[in-house]
Amino acid sequence: MSKLYSGAEIVFKCMEDQNVDHIFGYPGGAVLPIYDELQNFKSIKHVLVRHEQGAGHAAEGYARSSGKPGVILVTSGPGATNVVTALTDAYMDSIPLVCISGQVPTHLIGTDAFQECDTTGITRPCTKHNWLVKDINDLAETIHKAFEVATTGRPGPVLVDIPKDIQFQKTKYKKPKKEKQLNGKSTNHFNQNSIDQLIDLMSKSLKPIFYTGGGVINSGPKASELLRELVYATGFPITSTLQGLGSFPGEDNQFLGMLGMHGTYEANNAMHDCDLMINIGARFDDRITGKIDEFSPKSKKVHIDIDPSSINKNVKVDLAIVGDVKNVLSTTLKSLKQKKSKFLKSNKQKTSKWWEKIQKWRSVRSLDYIGSEETIKPQYAIERLYELTKDKDSYITTEVGQHQMWAAQHYKFNKPNRWMTSGGLGTMGYGLPAAVGVQVAHPKKLVIDIAGEASVLMTIQEMSTAVQYNLPIKIFILNNQYMGMVRQWQELLHDKNYSESYTAALPDFVKLAEAYNCVGIRAKTPEELDDKIIEMLNTDRPVIFDCMVDKVENCFPMIPSGKPHNQMILGPKDQENKKITGKGKSLV
């Protein structure tokens, strides 16, 4: 007779068969049977967070940096509702998560029992799919299905809600029907005709540009390799969204920098003036397009994406190619070499005038800023951090705000999966727990959270997690004592009404670090900055670095709300001449 396993055992049996090695969780009454079984599955390590939101963001950081799905374990009621922010964040940024939540026993569902909530109802809008398991015989198959859904097609979060009585009941264990690749299989709907059309457009273009997003990274490391090969072969310029950074080397001359609201002058102008835009794995987000009816008005637009629902959603395109980025790029390269070898040799000459124009835009040096010998400028802090860490294969997370944009502008990413940030949802508090997850996935690597003092306080309790598990994460705080991006919008959009954006009672971050039994470091002047950063890097324990920066520095360049790409505010002098009024205010 086949062995019978409890529902709690089946949860871990499924994880073993899905090659899960870490889970991030917080115990509670509705999942205690699952926690009872943890001791019997030594290959799976549990990371105890201090808040379920932290579990979700840690799982995101783990997934984003490793390419494997992040796994979360939370209890019913507040445990499940606390993780909703992270699930939504993962949903917006296409990050594969599997959340296992406990639920009250099946006979109590719908009775307003203690710590009961409609978990599947609450999470339906922010997951790819979710399940409430009502029959023990369905449990194993459901969990295996959850991993498949999370990792295939456009990745994303899923949730399996397991009532407490199901965790005690016993049945036979069902292995997955067939092995699933953790990075996900995909269904490709493109054909050779679509590839031929793309190549034809490329060969005729005089002003082309590659516009890349997080879909390249989600497709796996091979996709980034193929992208680099294609960009070098064609000689086309390339830009990237916030989530796409690292898929193409940030230091390469063909890379124009990030585009969008705080993108470079050259990237945004090239997007506006191009005659061919090849979108690879990006979703035409509003922070990228600016004023949608004036977005790249004269270009033919190609959209390559694994998710057909993302195509023609915000911007109408001339050619849609539905498929995994890796497969599309591979087919394109093969076809180029076979059918258009002459194009590869002659094309750089064809686009030479376009590159001349781009170089003129580059000469504006839109990321320059006014330095200071007395005060640390936040841009300078990022530049020095980059110079002192660029040879260390660093992994960078961020919170959300000005520091996030400065990090994207001034820290160069030359490899994929090294940059973890909250894009679509813009979740303050993301960076610290994400750094915990990244460090768990890469215990020997340097992991830095570039933070803002307001953002980091939202999940600061996860420093305790870092200390408990000996995770030497570095929290590099650009401390301007303001909610910086809120203050910037108030200055530019709300007549300098700085309502509630100044934090009057900040903790002493050095003492706070000591209270958490980790290391606190503070820098106040440019002169001492390098030495203090080196001290941080040489410390093999968790560090909170309080970098005191200019309080009123704004993040430029910036596309004013309601304006097209080619109307950017380049700096403080520009902001008076290009005031945002009327309709633009409502679009931020």
Protein backbone atom coordinates (compact mmCIF):
# COMPACT_ATOMS: atom_id res chain seq x y z
CA MET A 1 0.00 0.00 0.00
CA SER A 2 1.26 3.45 -0.95
CA LYS A 3 2.32 5.72 1.88
CA LEU A 4 -0.14 8.39 2.92
CA TYR A 5 1.08 11.93 3.52
CA SER A 6 -0.56 14.77 5.44
CA GLY A 7 -1.39 17.99 3.61
CA ALA A 8 1.45 19.70 5.49
CA GLU A 9 3.90 17.03 4.30
CA ILE A 10 2.62 17.33 0.75
CA VAL A 11 3.41 21.06 0.75
CA PHE A 12 7.08 20.28 1.36
CA LYS A 13 7.13 17.23 -0.95
CA CYS A 14 5.95 19.54 -3.72
CA MET A 15 8.65 22.08 -2.88
CA GLU A 16 11.31 19.38 -2.98
CA ASP A 17 10.15 18.27 -6.43
CA GLN A 18 10.14 21.90 -7.59
CA ASN A 19 13.78 22.27 -6.40
CA VAL A 20 12.89 24.91 -3.81
CA ASP A 21 15.77 25.52 -1.41
CA HIS A 22 14.55 28.64 0.47
CA ILE A 23 11.20 29.91 1.68
CA PHE A 24 10.42 33.23 3.35
CA GLY A 25 7.71 33.19 5.97
CA TYR A 26 6.10 34.01 9.30
CA PRO A 27 4.22 31.42 11.38
CA GLY A 28 0.66 31.71 12.65
CA GLY A 29 -2.17 29.50 13.81
CA ALA A 30 -3.48 28.52 10.37
CA VAL A 31 -0.08 27.26 9.13
CA LEU A 32 1.29 25.61 12.26
CA PRO A 33 0.85 22.08 10.83
CA ILE A 34 3.07 23.12 7.91
CA TYR A 35 5.64 24.58 10.31
CA ASP A 36 5.56 21.32 12.27
CA GLU A 37 6.86 19.54 9.16
CA LEU A 38 9.66 22.01 8.48
CA GLN A 39 12.07 20.04 10.69
CA ASN A 40 11.58 16.94 8.53
CA PHE A 41 12.68 18.59 5.28
CA LYS A 42 16.28 19.67 5.86
CA SER A 43 16.93 20.59 2.21
CA ILE A 44 14.49 23.50 2.49
CA LYS A 45 15.68 26.43 4.57
CA HIS A 46 13.16 28.80 6.11
CA VAL A 47 13.97 32.50 6.53
CA LEU A 48 11.97 34.07 9.35
CA VAL A 49 11.08 37.65 8.42
CA ARG A 50 9.64 40.30 10.76
CA HIS A 51 6.60 41.18 8.64
CA GLU A 52 4.80 39.36 5.83
CA GLN A 53 5.36 42.26 3.43
CA GLY A 54 9.06 41.71 4.08
CA ALA A 55 8.62 38.02 3.19
CA GLY A 56 7.09 38.99 -0.14
CA HIS A 57 9.77 41.52 -1.07
CA ALA A 58 12.55 39.15 0.07
CA ALA A 59 11.06 36.47 -2.19
CA GLU A 60 10.98 39.04 -5.02
CA GLY A 61 14.66 39.88 -4.53
CA TYR A 62 15.49 36.18 -4.43
CA ALA A 63 13.54 35.51 -7.63
CA ARG A 64 14.78 38.55 -9.53
CA SER A 65 18.43 37.85 -8.77
CA SER A 66 18.39 34.05 -9.16
CA GLY A 67 15.85 33.41 -11.94
CA LYS A 68 14.05 30.92 -9.68
CA PRO A 69 10.59 31.47 -8.22
CA GLY A 70 10.43 33.01 -4.76
CA VAL A 71 8.34 31.08 -2.22
CA ILE A 72 6.36 32.66 0.63
CA LEU A 73 4.59 31.02 3.57
CA VAL A 74 2.07 33.10 5.59
CA THR A 75 -0.84 32.52 7.92
CA SER A 76 -4.50 33.43 7.37
CA GLY A 77 -6.12 36.84 7.83
CA PRO A 78 -3.52 39.56 8.49
CA GLY A 79 -0.72 37.26 7.35
CA ALA A 80 -2.31 37.04 3.92
CA THR A 81 -3.37 40.69 3.73
CA ASN A 82 0.10 41.88 4.77
CA VAL A 83 1.63 40.15 1.76
CA VAL A 84 -0.79 41.74 -0.75
CA THR A 85 1.52 44.71 -1.43
CA ALA A 86 4.38 42.41 -2.39
CA LEU A 87 2.11 40.24 -4.56
CA THR A 88 0.88 43.34 -6.39
CA ASP A 89 4.46 44.56 -6.79
CA ALA A 90 5.46 41.20 -8.30
CA TYR A 91 2.39 41.22 -10.53
CA MET A 92 3.26 44.65 -11.95
CA ASP A 93 6.93 43.75 -12.49
CA SER A 94 6.37 40.16 -13.72
CA ILE A 95 8.28 38.37 -10.95
CA PRO A 96 7.55 34.66 -10.29
CA LEU A 97 6.31 34.10 -6.71
CA VAL A 98 4.46 31.20 -5.13
CA CYS A 99 2.64 32.20 -1.95
CA ILE A 100 1.31 29.47 0.34
CA SER A 101 -1.24 30.90 2.76
CA GLY A 102 -3.06 29.19 5.60
CA GLN A 103 -6.83 29.42 5.93
CA VAL A 104 -9.31 28.63 8.69
CA PRO A 105 -10.77 25.09 8.58
CA THR A 106 -13.17 24.51 5.68
CA HIS A 107 -16.25 24.26 7.94
CA LEU A 108 -15.52 27.75 9.31
CA ILE A 109 -15.02 29.49 5.95
CA GLY A 110 -17.66 32.17 5.61
CA THR A 111 -18.42 32.40 9.35
CA ASP A 112 -16.14 35.37 10.14
CA ALA A 113 -13.93 33.05 12.15
CA PHE A 114 -10.84 34.30 13.97
CA GLN A 115 -8.21 35.46 11.45
CA GLU A 116 -10.45 34.59 8.52
CA CYS A 117 -10.56 36.64 5.35
CA ASP A 118 -11.42 35.97 1.72
CA THR A 119 -7.81 35.52 0.69
CA THR A 120 -8.51 34.32 -2.84
CA GLY A 121 -10.99 37.16 -3.35
CA ILE A 122 -8.55 39.77 -2.07
CA THR A 123 -5.62 38.47 -4.13
CA ARG A 124 -7.48 37.70 -7.35
CA PRO A 125 -6.66 41.11 -8.93
CA CYS A 126 -2.97 40.96 -7.99
CA THR A 127 -2.01 37.38 -8.90
CA LYS A 128 -1.79 35.49 -12.18
CA HIS A 129 -4.03 32.88 -10.58
CA ASN A 130 -5.00 31.65 -7.12
CA TRP A 131 -6.57 28.56 -5.61
CA LEU A 132 -8.52 27.65 -2.47
CA VAL A 133 -7.85 23.95 -1.85
CA LYS A 134 -10.99 22.23 -0.56
CA ASP A 135 -10.00 18.61 -1.19
CA ILE A 136 -6.77 17.00 0.07
CA ASN A 137 -6.59 14.94 -3.14
CA ASP A 138 -6.19 18.16 -5.17
CA LEU A 139 -3.41 19.65 -3.06
CA ALA A 140 -0.26 18.30 -4.74
CA GLU A 141 -1.56 18.89 -8.24
CA THR A 142 -2.59 22.44 -7.32
CA ILE A 143 0.82 23.35 -5.89
CA HIS A 144 2.63 21.93 -8.92
CA LYS A 145 0.24 23.87 -11.15
CA ALA A 146 1.00 27.02 -9.15
CA PHE A 147 4.73 26.72 -9.87
CA GLU A 148 4.00 26.14 -13.55
CA VAL A 149 1.73 29.20 -13.81
CA ALA A 150 4.17 31.43 -11.89
CA THR A 151 7.13 30.59 -14.10
CA THR A 152 5.67 30.16 -17.59
CA GLY A 153 4.66 32.77 -20.14
CA ARG A 154 4.87 36.20 -18.55
CA PRO A 155 6.06 35.36 -15.01
CA GLY A 156 4.11 36.52 -12.00
CA PRO A 157 2.82 35.73 -8.51
CA VAL A 158 0.34 32.99 -7.62
CA LEU A 159 -1.29 32.01 -4.33
CA VAL A 160 -2.47 28.69 -2.90
CA ASP A 161 -4.81 29.03 0.11
CA ILE A 162 -4.86 25.87 2.26
CA PRO A 163 -7.45 25.42 5.05
CA LYS A 164 -6.06 24.08 8.32
CA ASP A 165 -8.04 20.83 8.24
CA ILE A 166 -6.63 20.04 4.76
CA GLN A 167 -3.14 20.31 6.26
CA PHE A 168 -3.95 17.47 8.71
CA GLN A 169 -5.78 15.16 6.30
CA LYS A 170 -3.82 12.40 4.51
CA THR A 171 -3.64 11.09 0.95
CA LYS A 172 -1.20 9.70 -1.58
CA TYR A 173 1.38 12.11 -2.94
CA LYS A 174 1.26 12.91 -6.64
CA LYS A 175 4.51 13.92 -8.28
CA PRO A 176 4.43 16.55 -11.04
CA LYS A 177 3.33 15.05 -14.35
CA LYS A 178 6.47 16.19 -16.05
CA GLU A 179 9.53 18.18 -15.16
CA LYS A 180 9.08 21.93 -15.43
CA GLN A 181 11.96 24.28 -16.03
CA LEU A 182 12.07 26.86 -13.28
CA ASN A 183 12.78 29.66 -15.70
CA GLY A 184 9.62 28.71 -17.49
CA LYS A 185 8.62 27.30 -20.82
CA SER A 186 6.80 29.56 -23.21
CA THR A 187 4.39 29.38 -26.05
CA ASN A 188 5.67 31.18 -29.11
CA HIS A 189 3.11 32.46 -31.56
CA PHE A 190 5.45 34.17 -34.00
CA ASN A 191 6.38 32.79 -37.40
CA GLN A 192 9.16 33.34 -39.90
CA ASN A 193 7.05 35.86 -41.79
CA SER A 194 7.01 38.16 -38.73
CA ILE A 195 10.79 37.87 -38.41
CA ASP A 196 11.22 38.67 -42.11
CA GLN A 197 9.03 41.76 -41.67
CA LEU A 198 11.16 42.87 -38.73
CA ILE A 199 14.38 42.42 -40.68
CA ASP A 200 12.92 44.31 -43.64
CA LEU A 201 12.02 47.23 -41.36
CA MET A 202 15.51 47.15 -39.84
CA SER A 203 17.24 47.15 -43.22
CA LYS A 204 15.23 50.20 -44.42
CA SER A 205 15.56 52.24 -41.23
CA LEU A 206 17.77 55.33 -41.07
CA LYS A 207 16.98 56.23 -37.44
CA PRO A 208 16.38 52.99 -35.52
CA ILE A 209 16.41 52.32 -31.79
CA PHE A 210 16.07 49.26 -29.55
CA TYR A 211 13.78 49.89 -26.57
CA THR A 212 14.26 47.13 -23.99
CA GLY A 213 12.51 46.19 -20.77
CA GLY A 214 12.33 43.66 -17.96
CA GLY A 215 11.04 40.99 -20.35
CA VAL A 216 14.60 40.51 -21.62
CA ILE A 217 15.83 39.69 -18.13
CA ASN A 218 12.82 37.50 -17.37
CA SER A 219 13.63 35.42 -20.44
CA GLY A 220 16.90 34.35 -18.82
CA PRO A 221 20.65 35.14 -19.24
CA LYS A 222 20.73 33.75 -22.78
CA ALA A 223 18.26 36.43 -23.90
CA SER A 224 20.63 39.17 -22.69
CA GLU A 225 23.51 37.51 -24.56
CA LEU A 226 21.47 37.39 -27.77
CA LEU A 227 20.37 40.99 -27.33
CA ARG A 228 23.99 42.10 -27.08
CA GLU A 229 24.86 40.11 -30.19
CA LEU A 230 22.00 41.69 -32.15
CA VAL A 231 22.82 45.23 -31.01
CA TYR A 232 26.50 44.83 -31.92
CA ALA A 233 25.64 43.22 -35.27
CA THR A 234 23.26 46.02 -36.31
CA GLY A 235 25.08 48.98 -34.78
CA PHE A 236 21.75 50.37 -33.58
CA PRO A 237 21.49 52.50 -30.44
CA ILE A 238 19.73 50.94 -27.47
CA THR A 239 17.89 52.28 -24.45
CA SER A 240 16.22 50.59 -21.49
CA THR A 241 13.40 50.95 -19.02
CA LEU A 242 14.09 50.94 -15.30
CA GLN A 243 13.50 47.16 -15.09
CA GLY A 244 15.57 46.38 -18.17
CA LEU A 245 18.85 47.81 -16.84
CA GLY A 246 21.68 45.31 -17.09
CA SER A 247 20.34 43.38 -20.09
CA PHE A 248 22.82 45.44 -22.15
CA PRO A 249 26.09 46.78 -20.67
CA GLY A 250 25.53 50.19 -19.11
CA GLU A 251 29.08 51.29 -19.95
CA ASP A 252 28.80 50.43 -23.67
CA ASN A 253 28.85 53.30 -26.16
CA GLN A 254 25.73 52.03 -27.95
CA PHE A 255 23.73 52.31 -24.74
CA LEU A 256 21.97 55.67 -24.45
CA GLY A 257 21.02 55.27 -20.81
CA MET A 258 17.61 54.82 -19.27
CA LEU A 259 14.63 56.49 -20.94
CA GLY A 260 11.43 57.88 -19.50
CA MET A 261 10.48 60.55 -16.96
CA HIS A 262 14.02 60.72 -15.51
CA GLY A 263 15.81 59.23 -18.50
CA THR A 264 18.72 60.78 -20.37
CA TYR A 265 18.31 63.58 -22.89
CA GLU A 266 19.78 61.43 -25.68
CA ALA A 267 17.57 58.39 -24.95
CA ASN A 268 14.34 60.37 -24.83
CA ASN A 269 15.11 62.46 -27.90
CA ALA A 270 16.13 59.38 -29.85
CA MET A 271 12.85 57.71 -28.90
CA HIS A 272 10.95 60.79 -30.06
CA ASP A 273 12.77 61.25 -33.40
CA CYS A 274 13.41 57.62 -34.45
CA ASP A 275 11.84 56.12 -37.56
CA LEU A 276 11.90 52.55 -36.19
CA MET A 277 11.31 51.58 -32.56
CA ILE A 278 11.88 47.95 -31.66
CA ASN A 279 10.32 47.29 -28.26
CA ILE A 280 11.73 44.13 -26.69
CA GLY A 281 10.01 43.04 -23.48
CA ALA A 282 8.72 46.43 -22.33
CA ARG A 283 5.10 47.51 -21.82
CA PHE A 284 4.89 51.17 -22.91
CA ASP A 285 4.37 52.33 -19.34
CA ASP A 286 3.13 55.91 -18.78
CA ARG A 287 6.46 56.88 -17.16
CA ILE A 288 8.09 55.92 -20.46
CA THR A 289 5.70 57.33 -23.01
CA GLY A 290 5.00 60.75 -21.49
CA LYS A 291 2.22 62.40 -23.51
CA ILE A 292 0.88 59.39 -25.34
CA ASP A 293 -0.52 61.13 -28.44
CA GLU A 294 2.88 62.76 -29.06
CA PHE A 295 4.95 59.67 -28.28
CA SER A 296 7.44 58.93 -31.06
CA PRO A 297 5.05 60.30 -33.70
CA LYS A 298 6.96 59.39 -36.87
CA SER A 299 8.20 55.89 -36.06
CA LYS A 300 7.21 52.42 -37.13
CA LYS A 301 6.77 50.45 -33.94
CA VAL A 302 7.57 46.79 -33.36
CA HIS A 303 6.59 45.09 -30.09
CA ILE A 304 8.17 41.78 -29.05
CA ASP A 305 6.54 40.36 -25.92
CA ILE A 306 5.56 37.00 -24.49
CA ASP A 307 2.27 38.45 -23.23
CA PRO A 308 -0.17 39.17 -26.08
CA SER A 309 -2.37 41.25 -23.74
CA SER A 310 0.46 43.80 -23.38
CA ILE A 311 0.58 44.44 -27.14
CA ASN A 312 -1.54 47.32 -28.46
CA LYS A 313 -2.66 48.01 -24.90
CA ASN A 314 -1.22 51.51 -24.51
CA VAL A 315 0.46 52.19 -27.87
CA LYS A 316 -0.67 50.87 -31.25
CA VAL A 317 2.16 49.08 -33.04
CA ASP A 318 2.87 48.25 -36.67
CA LEU A 319 4.28 44.77 -36.06
CA ALA A 320 3.49 42.50 -33.12
CA ILE A 321 5.69 39.49 -32.40
CA VAL A 322 4.36 37.28 -29.58
CA GLY A 323 7.01 35.03 -28.11
CA ASP A 324 9.75 34.48 -25.58
CA VAL A 325 12.45 37.13 -26.12
CA LYS A 326 15.19 34.50 -26.24
CA ASN A 327 13.49 32.59 -29.06
CA VAL A 328 12.59 35.71 -31.06
CA LEU A 329 16.11 37.13 -30.85
CA SER A 330 17.69 33.79 -31.73
CA THR A 331 15.51 33.41 -34.83
CA THR A 332 16.13 37.04 -35.83
CA LEU A 333 19.90 36.67 -35.60
CA LYS A 334 19.93 33.46 -37.62
CA SER A 335 17.76 35.03 -40.31
CA LEU A 336 19.88 38.17 -40.43
CA LYS A 337 23.04 36.17 -40.96
CA GLN A 338 21.45 33.99 -43.64
CA LYS A 339 19.41 36.51 -45.60
CA LYS A 340 20.83 39.92 -44.89
CA SER A 341 24.56 39.49 -44.41
CA LYS A 342 25.20 42.55 -46.60
CA PHE A 343 22.89 44.61 -44.37
CA LEU A 344 25.02 43.82 -41.34
CA LYS A 345 28.11 45.15 -43.09
CA SER A 346 26.58 48.24 -44.65
CA ASN A 347 24.13 49.29 -42.01
CA LYS A 348 26.51 51.20 -39.77
CA GLN A 349 27.18 53.60 -42.63
CA LYS A 350 23.43 54.00 -43.23
CA THR A 351 22.85 55.06 -39.63
CA SER A 352 25.94 57.28 -39.32
CA LYS A 353 23.96 60.55 -39.54
CA TRP A 354 21.60 59.25 -36.89
CA TRP A 355 24.56 58.58 -34.60
CA GLU A 356 25.89 62.10 -35.27
CA LYS A 357 22.58 63.48 -34.05
CA ILE A 358 22.68 61.25 -30.98
CA GLN A 359 26.20 62.44 -30.16
CA LYS A 360 24.93 66.05 -30.24
CA TRP A 361 22.25 65.14 -27.73
CA ARG A 362 24.88 63.36 -25.65
CA SER A 363 27.03 66.47 -25.61
CA VAL A 364 24.33 68.17 -23.54
CA ARG A 365 25.49 65.89 -20.66
CA SER A 366 22.03 65.74 -19.13
CA LEU A 367 23.17 63.79 -16.05
CA ASP A 368 25.66 66.47 -15.01
CA TYR A 369 25.01 68.29 -11.75
CA ILE A 370 26.51 71.17 -9.76
CA GLY A 371 29.05 69.70 -7.38
CA SER A 372 29.92 70.87 -3.87
CA GLU A 373 32.96 70.67 -1.62
CA GLU A 374 30.92 71.14 1.56
CA THR A 375 27.82 69.02 0.97
CA ILE A 376 27.54 65.49 -0.44
CA LYS A 377 25.48 65.63 -3.59
CA PRO A 378 23.37 62.46 -3.93
CA GLN A 379 24.57 61.92 -7.52
CA TYR A 380 28.17 62.12 -6.32
CA ALA A 381 27.46 59.57 -3.59
CA ILE A 382 26.14 57.08 -6.18
CA GLU A 383 29.08 57.75 -8.51
CA ARG A 384 31.59 57.06 -5.75
CA LEU A 385 29.70 53.96 -4.64
CA TYR A 386 29.81 52.69 -8.23
CA GLU A 387 33.52 53.39 -8.70
CA LEU A 388 34.38 51.60 -5.48
CA THR A 389 32.18 48.55 -6.17
CA LYS A 390 32.18 48.10 -9.96
CA ASP A 391 34.79 45.34 -9.84
CA LYS A 392 32.92 43.35 -7.17
CA ASP A 393 29.99 41.95 -9.24
CA SER A 394 27.60 43.76 -6.93
CA TYR A 395 23.86 43.22 -6.58
CA ILE A 396 21.90 46.44 -6.08
CA THR A 397 18.41 46.89 -4.68
CA THR A 398 16.66 50.21 -4.09
CA GLU A 399 13.75 51.70 -2.29
CA VAL A 400 11.49 54.11 -4.23
CA GLY A 401 12.02 57.81 -4.81
CA GLN A 402 14.76 60.19 -5.90
CA HIS A 403 17.54 57.85 -4.76
CA GLN A 404 16.07 55.12 -6.98
CA MET A 405 16.29 57.36 -10.06
CA TRP A 406 19.79 58.58 -9.18
CA ALA A 407 20.89 54.97 -8.78
CA ALA A 408 19.42 54.10 -12.19
CA GLN A 409 21.15 57.11 -13.75
CA HIS A 410 24.60 56.92 -12.15
CA TYR A 411 25.19 53.25 -11.26
CA LYS A 412 26.10 51.27 -14.39
CA PHE A 413 24.80 47.73 -14.76
CA ASN A 414 26.73 45.49 -17.12
CA LYS A 415 25.04 42.18 -16.32
CA PRO A 416 21.41 41.09 -15.96
CA ASN A 417 19.84 40.16 -12.59
CA ARG A 418 22.06 42.63 -10.72
CA TRP A 419 19.41 45.36 -10.34
CA MET A 420 16.32 44.82 -8.21
CA THR A 421 13.84 47.67 -7.84
CA SER A 422 10.12 48.27 -7.62
CA GLY A 423 9.00 49.63 -10.98
CA GLY A 424 5.32 49.38 -11.78
CA LEU A 425 3.93 49.70 -8.25
CA GLY A 426 6.65 51.99 -6.87
CA THR A 427 6.70 50.36 -3.43
CA MET A 428 8.50 52.24 -0.69
CA GLY A 429 10.13 49.75 1.66
CA TYR A 430 10.99 47.31 -1.13
CA GLY A 431 14.77 47.55 -1.09
CA LEU A 432 15.81 46.31 2.37
CA PRO A 433 13.84 43.03 2.40
CA ALA A 434 14.68 42.55 -1.30
CA ALA A 435 18.36 42.79 -0.33
CA VAL A 436 17.75 40.07 2.27
CA GLY A 437 16.34 37.81 -0.47
CA VAL A 438 19.21 38.59 -2.84
CA GLN A 439 21.79 37.85 -0.15
CA VAL A 440 20.09 34.52 0.63
CA ALA A 441 20.33 33.62 -3.08
CA HIS A 442 23.95 34.85 -3.35
CA PRO A 443 25.55 34.49 0.11
CA LYS A 444 29.10 35.30 -1.05
CA LYS A 445 28.25 38.38 -3.14
CA LEU A 446 28.12 42.07 -2.25
CA VAL A 447 24.50 43.20 -1.86
CA ILE A 448 23.69 46.89 -1.42
CA ASP A 449 20.34 48.56 -0.88
CA ILE A 450 20.55 52.15 -2.16
CA ALA A 451 17.90 53.66 0.09
CA GLY A 452 16.11 56.82 1.08
CA GLU A 453 15.66 57.55 4.78
CA ALA A 454 11.85 57.71 4.46
CA SER A 455 11.50 54.54 2.36
CA VAL A 456 13.83 52.38 4.42
CA LEU A 457 11.90 53.07 7.63
CA MET A 458 8.87 51.28 6.19
CA THR A 459 10.54 47.87 6.48
CA ILE A 460 13.55 48.63 8.71
CA GLN A 461 12.60 45.73 11.01
CA GLU A 462 14.05 43.32 8.44
CA MET A 463 17.52 44.35 9.67
CA SER A 464 16.74 41.89 12.46
CA THR A 465 16.30 39.17 9.82
CA ALA A 466 19.63 40.07 8.24
CA VAL A 467 21.38 39.84 11.62
CA GLN A 468 19.73 36.52 12.55
CA TYR A 469 20.85 34.83 9.33
CA ASN A 470 24.28 36.50 9.12
CA LEU A 471 23.39 38.28 5.88
CA PRO A 472 25.95 41.07 5.43
CA ILE A 473 23.68 43.41 3.43
CA LYS A 474 24.70 47.06 3.12
CA ILE A 475 21.98 49.70 3.49
CA PHE A 476 23.31 52.85 1.82
CA ILE A 477 20.90 55.64 2.81
CA LEU A 478 20.85 58.93 0.87
CA ASN A 479 19.51 60.93 3.79
CA ASN A 480 18.04 64.30 2.81
CA GLN A 481 15.46 64.31 5.66
CA TYR A 482 12.65 64.69 3.11
CA MET A 483 10.45 62.34 1.18
CA GLY A 484 12.57 63.58 -1.70
CA MET A 485 10.42 62.81 -4.71
CA VAL A 486 7.30 64.05 -2.94
CA ARG A 487 9.15 67.28 -2.07
CA GLN A 488 10.33 67.62 -5.69
CA TRP A 489 6.79 67.27 -7.02
CA GLN A 490 5.55 69.75 -4.43
CA GLU A 491 8.20 72.20 -5.61
CA LEU A 492 7.48 71.75 -9.31
CA LEU A 493 3.75 71.05 -9.27
CA HIS A 494 2.27 72.43 -6.07
CA ASP A 495 3.75 75.94 -5.67
CA LYS A 496 6.38 74.81 -3.12
CA ASN A 497 3.76 73.72 -0.59
CA TYR A 498 5.91 71.21 1.26
CA SER A 499 2.98 69.67 3.10
CA GLU A 500 4.07 66.76 5.36
CA SER A 501 7.08 65.78 3.23
CA TYR A 502 9.72 66.73 5.84
CA THR A 503 10.46 64.12 8.47
CA ALA A 504 11.04 66.02 11.68
CA ALA A 505 11.80 63.04 13.92
CA LEU A 506 14.21 60.75 12.14
CA PRO A 507 16.09 58.15 14.18
CA ASP A 508 19.84 58.28 14.56
CA PHE A 509 20.62 55.60 11.97
CA VAL A 510 24.02 54.80 13.49
CA LYS A 511 22.47 54.14 16.90
CA LEU A 512 19.61 52.27 15.22
CA ALA A 513 22.16 50.00 13.55
CA GLU A 514 23.79 49.34 16.89
CA ALA A 515 20.38 48.59 18.42
CA TYR A 516 19.91 45.90 15.76
CA ASN A 517 23.41 44.58 16.59
CA CYS A 518 24.85 45.55 13.24
CA VAL A 519 27.26 48.30 12.13
CA GLY A 520 26.38 51.98 11.72
CA ILE A 521 28.48 54.40 9.63
CA ARG A 522 27.83 58.06 8.83
CA ALA A 523 29.34 60.39 6.21
CA LYS A 524 28.68 64.14 6.20
CA THR A 525 31.25 65.57 3.77
CA PRO A 526 32.53 64.67 0.29
CA GLU A 527 36.06 64.48 1.68
CA GLU A 528 35.30 61.57 4.02
CA LEU A 529 32.89 59.73 1.71
CA ASP A 530 35.34 57.35 0.00
CA ASP A 531 36.96 56.22 3.24
CA LYS A 532 33.57 55.57 4.83
CA ILE A 533 32.34 53.59 1.80
CA ILE A 534 35.53 51.48 1.90
CA GLU A 535 34.92 50.87 5.62
CA MET A 536 31.40 49.69 4.76
CA LEU A 537 32.68 47.35 2.05
CA ASN A 538 35.30 45.88 4.37
CA THR A 539 32.71 45.06 7.04
CA ASP A 540 31.47 41.47 6.91
CA ARG A 541 28.32 42.22 8.92
CA PRO A 542 25.08 44.03 8.05
CA VAL A 543 25.68 47.79 7.76
CA ILE A 544 23.45 50.86 7.85
CA PHE A 545 25.30 53.71 6.15
CA ASP A 546 23.82 57.15 6.85
CA CYS A 547 24.99 59.34 3.96
CA MET A 548 23.92 62.93 4.70
CA VAL A 549 23.20 64.53 1.33
CA ASP A 550 21.98 67.88 0.01
CA LYS A 551 18.45 68.36 1.35
CA VAL A 552 16.95 70.17 -1.64
CA GLU A 553 18.65 68.56 -4.65
CA ASN A 554 16.15 67.64 -7.37
CA CYS A 555 16.34 64.72 -9.75
CA PHE A 556 16.94 65.85 -13.34
CA PRO A 557 16.51 65.51 -16.26
CA MET A 558 12.76 65.21 -16.07
CA ILE A 559 9.96 65.04 -18.62
CA PRO A 560 7.30 67.43 -17.28
CA SER A 561 3.90 65.86 -16.81
CA GLY A 562 1.78 66.04 -19.92
CA LYS A 563 4.74 66.77 -22.19
CA PRO A 564 6.36 64.69 -24.95
CA HIS A 565 9.88 63.20 -24.79
CA ASN A 566 11.58 66.11 -26.53
CA GLN A 567 10.47 68.70 -23.96
CA MET A 568 12.60 67.92 -20.95
CA ILE A 569 13.58 69.93 -17.89
CA LEU A 570 17.36 69.59 -17.81
CA GLY A 571 18.12 71.27 -14.51
CA PRO A 572 17.28 73.94 -11.93
CA LYS A 573 17.62 76.79 -14.45
CA ASP A 574 15.25 75.03 -16.79
CA GLN A 575 12.52 74.41 -14.25
CA GLU A 576 11.52 78.07 -14.04
CA ASN A 577 11.18 78.33 -17.82
CA LYS A 578 9.20 75.10 -18.16
CA LYS A 579 6.73 75.30 -15.31
CA ILE A 580 4.17 72.52 -15.10
CA THR A 581 0.67 73.92 -15.04
CA GLY A 582 -2.94 72.94 -15.53
CA LYS A 583 -3.49 69.53 -17.03
CA GLY A 584 0.09 68.36 -16.41
CA LYS A 585 -0.40 68.43 -12.63
CA SER A 586 -3.13 65.82 -12.77
CA LEU A 587 -1.01 63.44 -14.82
CA VAL A 588 1.75 62.84 -12.27
